[in-house]
């Protein structure tokens, strides 16, 4: 499954819930697939989507907050998983798109094939799920939509074949409209 298809499946199920998306191709694909004011697109800060997602989840306990991360991003800031697992926000769903490469920076391999991100997440108090294909993803998303977090969903994806256009919204506007959408 490719990331764009996974985003389409997730978007259909979660509707207008806030999404914090990691920098690079993840944000580009979200922007070009499911653009909405309650999306916060990270531009340039690798590894910090989960930290921002935690803050948003704590401030908005009645909304489910989704974090779209890549394997390279979460490996860059694994400490955020321990913080999330310690605080245990019930309204945080952390989705990792795992293609085993730093795709946005040229395709360098990550270590995600050599470690089990799901087991690491379990060790720090996440409920974890893995989706290998579209049917599994749809079934898992329908179940975790009403679950109590923190939840980690790792989705195995293929390398992107089409690079999406860049986000055309200025960073200050991304911030302002996101803030307004979660009030």
N, C-alpha and C. Protein backbone atom coordinates (compact mmCIF):
# COMPACT_ATOMS: atom_id res chain seq x y z
N UNK A 1 0.85 -1.17 0.00
CA UNK A 1 0.00 0.00 0.00
C UNK A 1 0.90 1.24 0.00
N UNK A 2 0.46 2.27 -0.68
CA UNK A 2 1.24 3.50 -0.64
C UNK A 2 0.64 4.45 0.40
N UNK A 3 1.42 5.46 0.77
CA UNK A 3 1.01 6.38 1.83
C UNK A 3 -0.24 7.17 1.43
N UNK A 4 -0.32 7.59 0.17
CA UNK A 4 -1.47 8.37 -0.27
C UNK A 4 -2.77 7.59 -0.08
N UNK A 5 -2.76 6.31 -0.45
CA UNK A 5 -3.95 5.47 -0.27
C UNK A 5 -4.26 5.33 1.22
N UNK A 6 -3.24 5.14 2.04
CA UNK A 6 -3.44 5.03 3.49
C UNK A 6 -4.07 6.31 4.04
N UNK A 7 -3.58 7.46 3.60
CA UNK A 7 -4.14 8.74 4.05
C UNK A 7 -5.61 8.85 3.65
N UNK A 8 -5.93 8.43 2.44
CA UNK A 8 -7.33 8.48 1.98
C UNK A 8 -8.23 7.62 2.87
N UNK A 9 -7.77 6.43 3.21
CA UNK A 9 -8.56 5.53 4.07
C UNK A 9 -8.76 6.15 5.45
N UNK A 10 -7.68 6.67 6.02
CA UNK A 10 -7.75 7.28 7.36
C UNK A 10 -8.68 8.49 7.34
N UNK A 11 -8.52 9.36 6.35
CA UNK A 11 -9.32 10.58 6.27
C UNK A 11 -10.81 10.28 6.20
N UNK A 12 -11.16 9.25 5.46
CA UNK A 12 -12.57 8.87 5.32
C UNK A 12 -13.17 8.47 6.68
N UNK A 13 -12.35 7.91 7.54
CA UNK A 13 -12.84 7.42 8.83
C UNK A 13 -12.81 8.48 9.92
N UNK A 14 -11.78 9.31 9.95
CA UNK A 14 -11.66 10.28 11.06
C UNK A 14 -12.35 11.61 10.80
N UNK A 15 -12.78 11.84 9.58
CA UNK A 15 -13.49 13.08 9.23
C UNK A 15 -12.66 14.31 9.53
N UNK A 16 -13.15 15.20 10.38
CA UNK A 16 -12.52 16.51 10.56
C UNK A 16 -11.65 16.62 11.81
N UNK A 17 -11.23 15.50 12.38
CA UNK A 17 -10.38 15.55 13.57
C UNK A 17 -9.02 16.17 13.23
N UNK A 18 -8.38 16.85 14.18
CA UNK A 18 -7.09 17.48 13.92
C UNK A 18 -5.99 16.45 13.61
N UNK A 19 -5.14 16.83 12.66
CA UNK A 19 -3.98 16.01 12.29
C UNK A 19 -2.74 16.88 12.35
N UNK A 20 -1.71 16.40 13.05
CA UNK A 20 -0.39 17.02 13.04
C UNK A 20 0.46 16.12 12.15
N UNK A 21 0.98 16.65 11.05
CA UNK A 21 1.73 15.78 10.13
C UNK A 21 3.20 16.16 10.11
N UNK A 22 4.04 15.14 10.05
CA UNK A 22 5.49 15.31 10.03
C UNK A 22 5.93 16.03 8.77
N UNK A 23 7.11 16.59 8.84
CA UNK A 23 7.65 17.32 7.70
C UNK A 23 7.90 16.40 6.50
N UNK A 24 8.10 17.02 5.36
CA UNK A 24 8.45 16.26 4.16
C UNK A 24 7.26 15.73 3.40
N UNK A 25 7.46 14.57 2.78
CA UNK A 25 6.45 14.01 1.89
C UNK A 25 5.14 13.69 2.60
N UNK A 26 5.19 13.39 3.89
CA UNK A 26 3.95 13.10 4.62
C UNK A 26 3.03 14.32 4.60
N UNK A 27 3.56 15.49 4.93
CA UNK A 27 2.74 16.70 4.90
C UNK A 27 2.29 17.04 3.48
N UNK A 28 3.17 16.87 2.52
CA UNK A 28 2.80 17.15 1.13
C UNK A 28 1.63 16.26 0.69
N UNK A 29 1.72 14.98 0.99
CA UNK A 29 0.65 14.07 0.57
C UNK A 29 -0.65 14.35 1.30
N UNK A 30 -0.57 14.68 2.59
CA UNK A 30 -1.78 15.05 3.32
C UNK A 30 -2.39 16.31 2.71
N UNK A 31 -1.58 17.30 2.45
CA UNK A 31 -2.06 18.57 1.87
C UNK A 31 -2.74 18.34 0.52
N UNK A 32 -2.15 17.52 -0.32
CA UNK A 32 -2.68 17.29 -1.67
C UNK A 32 -3.81 16.26 -1.72
N UNK A 33 -4.02 15.54 -0.62
CA UNK A 33 -5.05 14.51 -0.57
C UNK A 33 -6.25 14.93 0.27
N UNK A 34 -6.00 15.59 1.39
CA UNK A 34 -7.06 15.86 2.36
C UNK A 34 -6.79 17.17 3.08
N UNK A 35 -6.75 18.27 2.35
CA UNK A 35 -6.43 19.57 2.90
C UNK A 35 -7.62 20.10 3.71
N UNK A 36 -7.35 20.53 4.93
CA UNK A 36 -8.39 21.13 5.78
C UNK A 36 -7.71 22.00 6.83
N UNK A 37 -8.48 22.90 7.42
CA UNK A 37 -7.92 23.84 8.38
C UNK A 37 -7.40 23.17 9.64
N UNK A 38 -7.94 22.01 9.98
CA UNK A 38 -7.50 21.34 11.20
C UNK A 38 -6.30 20.42 10.97
N UNK A 39 -5.61 20.60 9.84
CA UNK A 39 -4.32 19.92 9.61
C UNK A 39 -3.21 20.90 9.96
N UNK A 40 -2.24 20.43 10.73
CA UNK A 40 -1.06 21.23 11.01
C UNK A 40 0.11 20.57 10.29
N UNK A 41 0.62 21.24 9.27
CA UNK A 41 1.70 20.70 8.45
C UNK A 41 3.04 21.17 9.01
N UNK A 42 3.87 20.22 9.46
CA UNK A 42 5.22 20.56 9.91
C UNK A 42 6.06 20.89 8.69
N UNK A 43 6.75 21.99 8.74
CA UNK A 43 7.62 22.37 7.64
C UNK A 43 9.04 22.51 8.17
N UNK A 44 9.82 21.46 8.06
CA UNK A 44 11.23 21.56 8.37
C UNK A 44 11.69 21.05 9.72
N UNK A 45 10.83 20.75 10.64
CA UNK A 45 11.26 20.31 11.96
C UNK A 45 11.12 18.80 12.08
N UNK A 46 12.15 18.09 11.68
CA UNK A 46 12.09 16.63 11.65
C UNK A 46 11.99 16.05 13.06
N UNK A 47 11.03 15.16 13.24
CA UNK A 47 10.90 14.43 14.50
C UNK A 47 10.01 15.08 15.54
N UNK A 48 9.45 16.24 15.26
CA UNK A 48 8.72 16.95 16.30
C UNK A 48 7.20 16.87 16.22
N UNK A 49 6.66 16.20 15.22
CA UNK A 49 5.19 16.10 15.10
C UNK A 49 4.57 15.46 16.34
N UNK A 50 5.21 14.42 16.86
CA UNK A 50 4.65 13.74 18.04
C UNK A 50 4.67 14.63 19.27
N UNK A 51 5.70 15.45 19.42
CA UNK A 51 5.77 16.37 20.56
C UNK A 51 4.68 17.43 20.46
N UNK A 52 4.48 17.97 19.28
CA UNK A 52 3.42 18.95 19.08
C UNK A 52 2.05 18.29 19.28
N UNK A 53 1.90 17.09 18.75
CA UNK A 53 0.65 16.36 18.92
C UNK A 53 0.31 16.13 20.38
N UNK A 54 1.31 15.83 21.19
CA UNK A 54 1.08 15.65 22.62
C UNK A 54 0.54 16.94 23.24
N UNK A 55 1.18 18.06 22.94
CA UNK A 55 0.72 19.33 23.48
C UNK A 55 -0.71 19.66 23.07
N UNK A 56 -1.02 19.42 21.81
CA UNK A 56 -2.38 19.68 21.31
C UNK A 56 -3.38 18.75 22.00
N UNK A 57 -3.01 17.49 22.18
CA UNK A 57 -3.90 16.52 22.83
C UNK A 57 -4.18 16.92 24.28
N UNK A 58 -3.16 17.36 24.98
CA UNK A 58 -3.35 17.76 26.38
C UNK A 58 -4.24 18.99 26.49
N UNK A 59 -4.12 19.89 25.56
CA UNK A 59 -4.90 21.13 25.58
C UNK A 59 -6.34 20.94 25.09
N UNK A 60 -6.58 19.84 24.36
CA UNK A 60 -7.90 19.59 23.75
C UNK A 60 -8.39 18.19 24.09
N UNK A 61 -8.67 17.91 25.36
CA UNK A 61 -8.98 16.54 25.78
C UNK A 61 -10.26 15.96 25.19
N UNK A 62 -11.13 16.79 24.64
CA UNK A 62 -12.38 16.27 24.07
C UNK A 62 -12.27 15.95 22.59
N UNK A 63 -11.12 16.22 21.99
CA UNK A 63 -10.90 15.90 20.57
C UNK A 63 -9.86 14.81 20.46
N UNK A 64 -10.04 13.93 19.50
CA UNK A 64 -9.00 12.94 19.21
C UNK A 64 -7.99 13.61 18.29
N UNK A 65 -6.73 13.57 18.69
CA UNK A 65 -5.65 14.19 17.93
C UNK A 65 -4.86 13.09 17.24
N UNK A 66 -4.67 13.25 15.94
CA UNK A 66 -3.93 12.28 15.14
C UNK A 66 -2.58 12.87 14.77
N UNK A 67 -1.53 12.09 14.94
CA UNK A 67 -0.19 12.47 14.52
C UNK A 67 0.21 11.56 13.37
N UNK A 68 0.57 12.15 12.24
CA UNK A 68 1.08 11.40 11.10
C UNK A 68 2.59 11.55 11.12
N UNK A 69 3.28 10.45 11.33
CA UNK A 69 4.74 10.44 11.46
C UNK A 69 5.33 9.46 10.47
N UNK A 70 6.60 9.61 10.19
CA UNK A 70 7.32 8.63 9.40
C UNK A 70 8.26 7.86 10.30
N UNK A 71 8.72 6.71 9.83
CA UNK A 71 9.67 5.93 10.63
C UNK A 71 10.93 6.75 10.88
N UNK A 72 11.40 7.48 9.89
CA UNK A 72 12.59 8.31 10.08
C UNK A 72 12.36 9.42 11.09
N UNK A 73 11.17 10.00 11.06
CA UNK A 73 10.84 11.08 12.00
C UNK A 73 10.81 10.57 13.44
N UNK A 74 10.12 9.47 13.69
CA UNK A 74 10.02 9.00 15.07
C UNK A 74 11.37 8.48 15.57
N UNK A 75 12.16 7.90 14.68
CA UNK A 75 13.49 7.46 15.10
C UNK A 75 14.37 8.66 15.46
N UNK A 76 14.07 9.82 14.89
CA UNK A 76 14.82 11.04 15.18
C UNK A 76 14.49 11.59 16.58
N UNK A 77 13.30 11.26 17.10
CA UNK A 77 12.87 11.81 18.39
C UNK A 77 12.12 10.74 19.19
N UNK A 78 12.78 9.63 19.46
CA UNK A 78 12.12 8.55 20.19
C UNK A 78 11.78 8.93 21.62
N UNK A 79 12.45 9.93 22.14
CA UNK A 79 12.14 10.38 23.49
C UNK A 79 10.71 10.86 23.63
N UNK A 80 10.13 11.35 22.55
CA UNK A 80 8.74 11.80 22.62
C UNK A 80 7.80 10.64 22.95
N UNK A 81 8.14 9.44 22.49
CA UNK A 81 7.29 8.28 22.79
C UNK A 81 7.28 7.98 24.28
N UNK A 82 8.42 8.12 24.94
CA UNK A 82 8.44 7.86 26.38
C UNK A 82 7.65 8.93 27.14
N UNK A 83 7.73 10.16 26.68
CA UNK A 83 6.94 11.23 27.32
C UNK A 83 5.45 10.99 27.12
N UNK A 84 5.06 10.66 25.89
CA UNK A 84 3.65 10.37 25.60
C UNK A 84 3.18 9.19 26.44
N UNK A 85 3.99 8.14 26.49
CA UNK A 85 3.62 6.95 27.26
C UNK A 85 3.53 7.20 28.75
N UNK A 86 4.30 8.13 29.26
CA UNK A 86 4.26 8.47 30.68
C UNK A 86 3.00 9.29 31.00
N UNK A 87 2.69 10.24 30.14
CA UNK A 87 1.53 11.11 30.37
C UNK A 87 0.22 10.40 30.03
N UNK A 88 0.25 9.49 29.07
CA UNK A 88 -0.90 8.67 28.65
C UNK A 88 -2.13 9.48 28.22
N UNK A 89 -1.98 10.36 27.24
CA UNK A 89 -3.17 11.06 26.77
C UNK A 89 -4.13 10.09 26.10
N UNK A 90 -5.35 10.06 26.55
CA UNK A 90 -6.34 9.11 26.03
C UNK A 90 -6.79 9.47 24.62
N UNK A 91 -6.54 10.69 24.20
CA UNK A 91 -7.05 11.19 22.93
C UNK A 91 -5.98 11.33 21.84
N UNK A 92 -4.87 10.61 21.97
CA UNK A 92 -3.78 10.72 20.99
C UNK A 92 -3.65 9.41 20.21
N UNK A 93 -3.70 9.53 18.89
CA UNK A 93 -3.47 8.40 17.99
C UNK A 93 -2.25 8.76 17.15
N UNK A 94 -1.19 7.99 17.33
CA UNK A 94 0.10 8.23 16.68
C UNK A 94 0.25 7.23 15.53
N UNK A 95 0.22 7.73 14.31
CA UNK A 95 0.29 6.86 13.13
C UNK A 95 1.65 7.01 12.49
N UNK A 96 2.34 5.88 12.34
CA UNK A 96 3.67 5.88 11.72
C UNK A 96 3.57 5.20 10.36
N UNK A 97 3.90 5.96 9.32
CA UNK A 97 3.99 5.42 7.96
C UNK A 97 5.42 4.91 7.80
N UNK A 98 5.58 3.60 7.70
CA UNK A 98 6.91 2.98 7.71
C UNK A 98 7.26 2.42 6.34
N UNK A 99 8.18 3.12 5.65
CA UNK A 99 8.71 2.61 4.39
C UNK A 99 10.19 2.27 4.50
N UNK A 100 10.72 2.35 5.71
CA UNK A 100 12.11 1.99 6.02
C UNK A 100 13.15 2.89 5.35
N UNK A 101 12.73 4.09 4.94
CA UNK A 101 13.69 5.04 4.37
C UNK A 101 13.35 6.47 4.79
N UNK A 102 14.36 7.32 4.72
CA UNK A 102 14.17 8.77 4.86
C UNK A 102 13.83 9.27 3.46
N UNK A 103 12.60 9.09 3.07
CA UNK A 103 12.22 9.33 1.68
C UNK A 103 12.37 10.78 1.24
N UNK A 104 11.99 11.71 2.09
CA UNK A 104 12.01 13.13 1.73
C UNK A 104 13.42 13.67 1.52
N UNK A 105 14.41 13.01 2.07
CA UNK A 105 15.79 13.52 1.97
C UNK A 105 16.66 12.71 1.02
N UNK A 106 16.06 11.83 0.24
CA UNK A 106 16.84 11.11 -0.76
C UNK A 106 16.79 9.60 -0.68
N UNK A 107 16.05 9.05 0.25
CA UNK A 107 15.88 7.60 0.30
C UNK A 107 16.91 6.83 1.11
N UNK A 108 17.61 7.52 2.01
CA UNK A 108 18.56 6.82 2.87
C UNK A 108 17.79 5.84 3.76
N UNK A 109 18.34 4.64 4.01
CA UNK A 109 17.63 3.66 4.84
C UNK A 109 17.55 4.11 6.31
N UNK A 110 16.44 3.74 6.95
CA UNK A 110 16.31 3.94 8.39
C UNK A 110 16.58 2.59 9.06
N UNK A 111 16.51 2.56 10.36
CA UNK A 111 16.71 1.31 11.11
C UNK A 111 15.40 0.59 11.40
N UNK A 112 14.30 1.00 10.79
CA UNK A 112 13.00 0.43 11.17
C UNK A 112 12.87 -1.05 10.81
N UNK A 113 13.68 -1.55 9.90
CA UNK A 113 13.64 -2.99 9.60
C UNK A 113 14.34 -3.81 10.68
N UNK A 114 15.21 -3.15 11.45
CA UNK A 114 16.02 -3.85 12.43
C UNK A 114 15.48 -3.75 13.85
N UNK A 115 14.50 -2.89 14.06
CA UNK A 115 13.89 -2.75 15.39
C UNK A 115 12.37 -2.84 15.24
N UNK A 116 11.69 -3.09 16.32
CA UNK A 116 10.23 -3.21 16.30
C UNK A 116 9.63 -2.00 17.00
N UNK A 117 9.21 -1.02 16.20
CA UNK A 117 8.63 0.20 16.78
C UNK A 117 7.39 -0.10 17.61
N UNK A 118 6.62 -1.11 17.22
CA UNK A 118 5.43 -1.50 17.98
C UNK A 118 5.78 -1.99 19.37
N UNK A 119 6.81 -2.82 19.47
CA UNK A 119 7.23 -3.32 20.79
C UNK A 119 7.78 -2.19 21.65
N UNK A 120 8.52 -1.30 21.03
CA UNK A 120 9.04 -0.15 21.78
C UNK A 120 7.87 0.66 22.32
N UNK A 121 6.87 0.91 21.48
CA UNK A 121 5.70 1.67 21.90
C UNK A 121 4.96 0.97 23.04
N UNK A 122 4.82 -0.35 22.95
CA UNK A 122 4.17 -1.11 24.03
C UNK A 122 4.93 -0.94 25.34
N UNK A 123 6.24 -0.95 25.27
CA UNK A 123 7.06 -0.82 26.48
C UNK A 123 6.88 0.53 27.16
N UNK A 124 6.44 1.53 26.39
CA UNK A 124 6.24 2.86 26.98
C UNK A 124 4.74 3.22 27.04
N UNK A 125 3.90 2.19 27.20
CA UNK A 125 2.47 2.35 27.52
C UNK A 125 1.53 2.71 26.37
N UNK A 126 1.95 2.54 25.15
CA UNK A 126 1.02 2.71 24.02
C UNK A 126 0.26 1.40 23.81
N UNK A 127 -0.97 1.49 23.29
CA UNK A 127 -1.64 0.34 22.68
C UNK A 127 -1.19 0.35 21.23
N UNK A 128 -0.79 -0.81 20.70
CA UNK A 128 -0.19 -0.80 19.37
C UNK A 128 -0.93 -1.70 18.39
N UNK A 129 -0.89 -1.26 17.14
CA UNK A 129 -1.50 -1.99 16.03
C UNK A 129 -0.58 -1.86 14.82
N UNK A 130 -0.66 -2.86 13.93
CA UNK A 130 0.12 -2.83 12.68
C UNK A 130 -0.81 -3.16 11.53
N UNK A 131 -0.75 -2.35 10.48
CA UNK A 131 -1.53 -2.60 9.27
C UNK A 131 -0.58 -2.86 8.11
N UNK A 132 -0.78 -3.99 7.45
CA UNK A 132 0.06 -4.35 6.30
C UNK A 132 -0.62 -4.05 4.96
N UNK A 133 -1.97 -3.94 4.99
CA UNK A 133 -2.68 -3.71 3.73
C UNK A 133 -3.92 -2.84 3.98
N UNK A 134 -4.61 -2.51 2.91
CA UNK A 134 -5.74 -1.59 3.00
C UNK A 134 -6.89 -2.13 3.86
N UNK A 135 -7.20 -3.40 3.72
CA UNK A 135 -8.30 -3.98 4.51
C UNK A 135 -7.98 -3.94 6.00
N UNK A 136 -6.75 -4.32 6.36
CA UNK A 136 -6.34 -4.26 7.77
C UNK A 136 -6.42 -2.84 8.29
N UNK A 137 -5.94 -1.90 7.49
CA UNK A 137 -5.94 -0.49 7.91
C UNK A 137 -7.35 0.00 8.18
N UNK A 138 -8.26 -0.29 7.28
CA UNK A 138 -9.64 0.16 7.46
C UNK A 138 -10.26 -0.46 8.72
N UNK A 139 -10.04 -1.74 8.93
CA UNK A 139 -10.58 -2.43 10.11
C UNK A 139 -9.99 -1.84 11.40
N UNK A 140 -8.68 -1.66 11.43
CA UNK A 140 -8.02 -1.12 12.62
C UNK A 140 -8.51 0.30 12.90
N UNK A 141 -8.57 1.13 11.86
CA UNK A 141 -9.00 2.52 12.05
C UNK A 141 -10.42 2.60 12.60
N UNK A 142 -11.30 1.76 12.13
CA UNK A 142 -12.67 1.77 12.63
C UNK A 142 -12.71 1.38 14.11
N UNK A 143 -11.82 0.48 14.52
CA UNK A 143 -11.77 0.05 15.92
C UNK A 143 -11.10 1.08 16.83
N UNK A 144 -9.99 1.67 16.38
CA UNK A 144 -9.27 2.60 17.27
C UNK A 144 -9.89 3.99 17.30
N UNK A 145 -10.78 4.27 16.39
CA UNK A 145 -11.44 5.57 16.36
C UNK A 145 -12.08 5.89 17.71
N UNK A 146 -12.56 4.86 18.39
CA UNK A 146 -13.23 5.06 19.68
C UNK A 146 -12.40 4.52 20.85
N UNK A 147 -11.15 4.14 20.59
CA UNK A 147 -10.30 3.59 21.63
C UNK A 147 -9.69 4.66 22.52
N UNK A 148 -9.14 4.22 23.61
CA UNK A 148 -8.46 5.12 24.53
C UNK A 148 -6.96 4.98 24.32
N UNK A 149 -6.28 6.09 24.20
CA UNK A 149 -4.86 6.10 23.90
C UNK A 149 -3.99 6.22 25.13
N UNK A 150 -2.71 6.38 24.88
CA UNK A 150 -2.16 6.62 23.56
C UNK A 150 -2.16 5.35 22.71
N UNK A 151 -2.41 5.56 21.43
CA UNK A 151 -2.45 4.46 20.48
C UNK A 151 -1.39 4.70 19.42
N UNK A 152 -0.67 3.66 19.07
CA UNK A 152 0.28 3.72 17.96
C UNK A 152 -0.17 2.74 16.89
N UNK A 153 -0.27 3.25 15.68
CA UNK A 153 -0.58 2.41 14.52
C UNK A 153 0.57 2.54 13.53
N UNK A 154 1.24 1.43 13.29
CA UNK A 154 2.31 1.41 12.29
C UNK A 154 1.73 0.84 11.00
N UNK A 155 1.90 1.59 9.92
CA UNK A 155 1.39 1.18 8.61
C UNK A 155 2.59 0.93 7.70
N UNK A 156 2.71 -0.29 7.22
CA UNK A 156 3.77 -0.61 6.26
C UNK A 156 3.37 -0.04 4.92
N UNK A 157 4.22 0.81 4.36
CA UNK A 157 3.92 1.43 3.07
C UNK A 157 5.08 1.22 2.10
N UNK A 158 4.78 1.41 0.83
CA UNK A 158 5.80 1.34 -0.21
C UNK A 158 6.40 2.72 -0.42
N UNK A 159 7.51 2.75 -1.12
CA UNK A 159 8.15 4.01 -1.48
C UNK A 159 7.23 4.78 -2.42
N UNK A 160 7.22 6.10 -2.28
CA UNK A 160 6.40 6.95 -3.12
C UNK A 160 6.90 6.94 -4.55
N UNK A 161 5.98 6.88 -5.50
CA UNK A 161 6.37 6.93 -6.91
C UNK A 161 6.13 8.31 -7.51
N UNK A 162 5.22 9.08 -6.91
CA UNK A 162 4.93 10.43 -7.39
C UNK A 162 5.15 11.41 -6.26
N UNK A 163 6.01 12.38 -6.48
CA UNK A 163 6.26 13.40 -5.47
C UNK A 163 5.20 14.49 -5.62
N UNK A 164 4.47 14.73 -4.55
CA UNK A 164 3.39 15.72 -4.56
C UNK A 164 3.95 17.14 -4.52
N UNK A 165 3.13 18.08 -4.99
CA UNK A 165 3.55 19.49 -4.97
C UNK A 165 3.69 19.98 -3.53
N UNK A 166 4.51 20.99 -3.38
CA UNK A 166 4.76 21.56 -2.05
C UNK A 166 3.50 22.24 -1.49
N UNK A 167 3.49 22.39 -0.19
CA UNK A 167 2.38 23.06 0.49
C UNK A 167 2.42 24.54 0.12
N UNK A 168 1.29 25.06 -0.32
CA UNK A 168 1.24 26.45 -0.82
C UNK A 168 0.75 27.45 0.22
N UNK A 169 0.61 27.02 1.45
CA UNK A 169 0.13 27.90 2.52
C UNK A 169 1.34 28.34 3.35
N UNK A 170 1.40 29.62 3.67
CA UNK A 170 2.49 30.15 4.48
C UNK A 170 2.44 29.55 5.89
N UNK A 171 3.61 29.32 6.51
CA UNK A 171 3.64 28.73 7.86
C UNK A 171 2.80 29.48 8.89
N UNK A 172 2.81 30.81 8.84
CA UNK A 172 2.02 31.57 9.81
C UNK A 172 0.52 31.33 9.62
N UNK A 173 0.10 31.16 8.37
CA UNK A 173 -1.32 30.87 8.10
C UNK A 173 -1.67 29.45 8.55
N UNK A 174 -0.76 28.50 8.33
CA UNK A 174 -0.99 27.12 8.81
C UNK A 174 -1.26 27.15 10.31
N UNK A 175 -0.41 27.87 11.02
CA UNK A 175 -0.55 27.97 12.48
C UNK A 175 -1.86 28.63 12.88
N UNK A 176 -2.17 29.76 12.29
CA UNK A 176 -3.36 30.52 12.67
C UNK A 176 -4.64 29.75 12.42
N UNK A 177 -4.77 29.19 11.25
CA UNK A 177 -6.02 28.49 10.93
C UNK A 177 -6.15 27.20 11.74
N UNK A 178 -5.02 26.55 12.03
CA UNK A 178 -5.07 25.36 12.89
C UNK A 178 -5.54 25.74 14.28
N UNK A 179 -4.96 26.79 14.84
CA UNK A 179 -5.37 27.24 16.17
C UNK A 179 -6.86 27.57 16.22
N UNK A 180 -7.35 28.26 15.21
CA UNK A 180 -8.78 28.60 15.16
C UNK A 180 -9.65 27.35 15.06
N UNK A 181 -9.17 26.34 14.35
CA UNK A 181 -9.98 25.14 14.14
C UNK A 181 -10.12 24.27 15.39
N UNK A 182 -9.20 24.40 16.32
CA UNK A 182 -9.26 23.53 17.50
C UNK A 182 -9.84 24.23 18.73
N UNK A 183 -10.23 25.46 18.57
CA UNK A 183 -10.82 26.20 19.70
C UNK A 183 -12.20 25.65 20.00
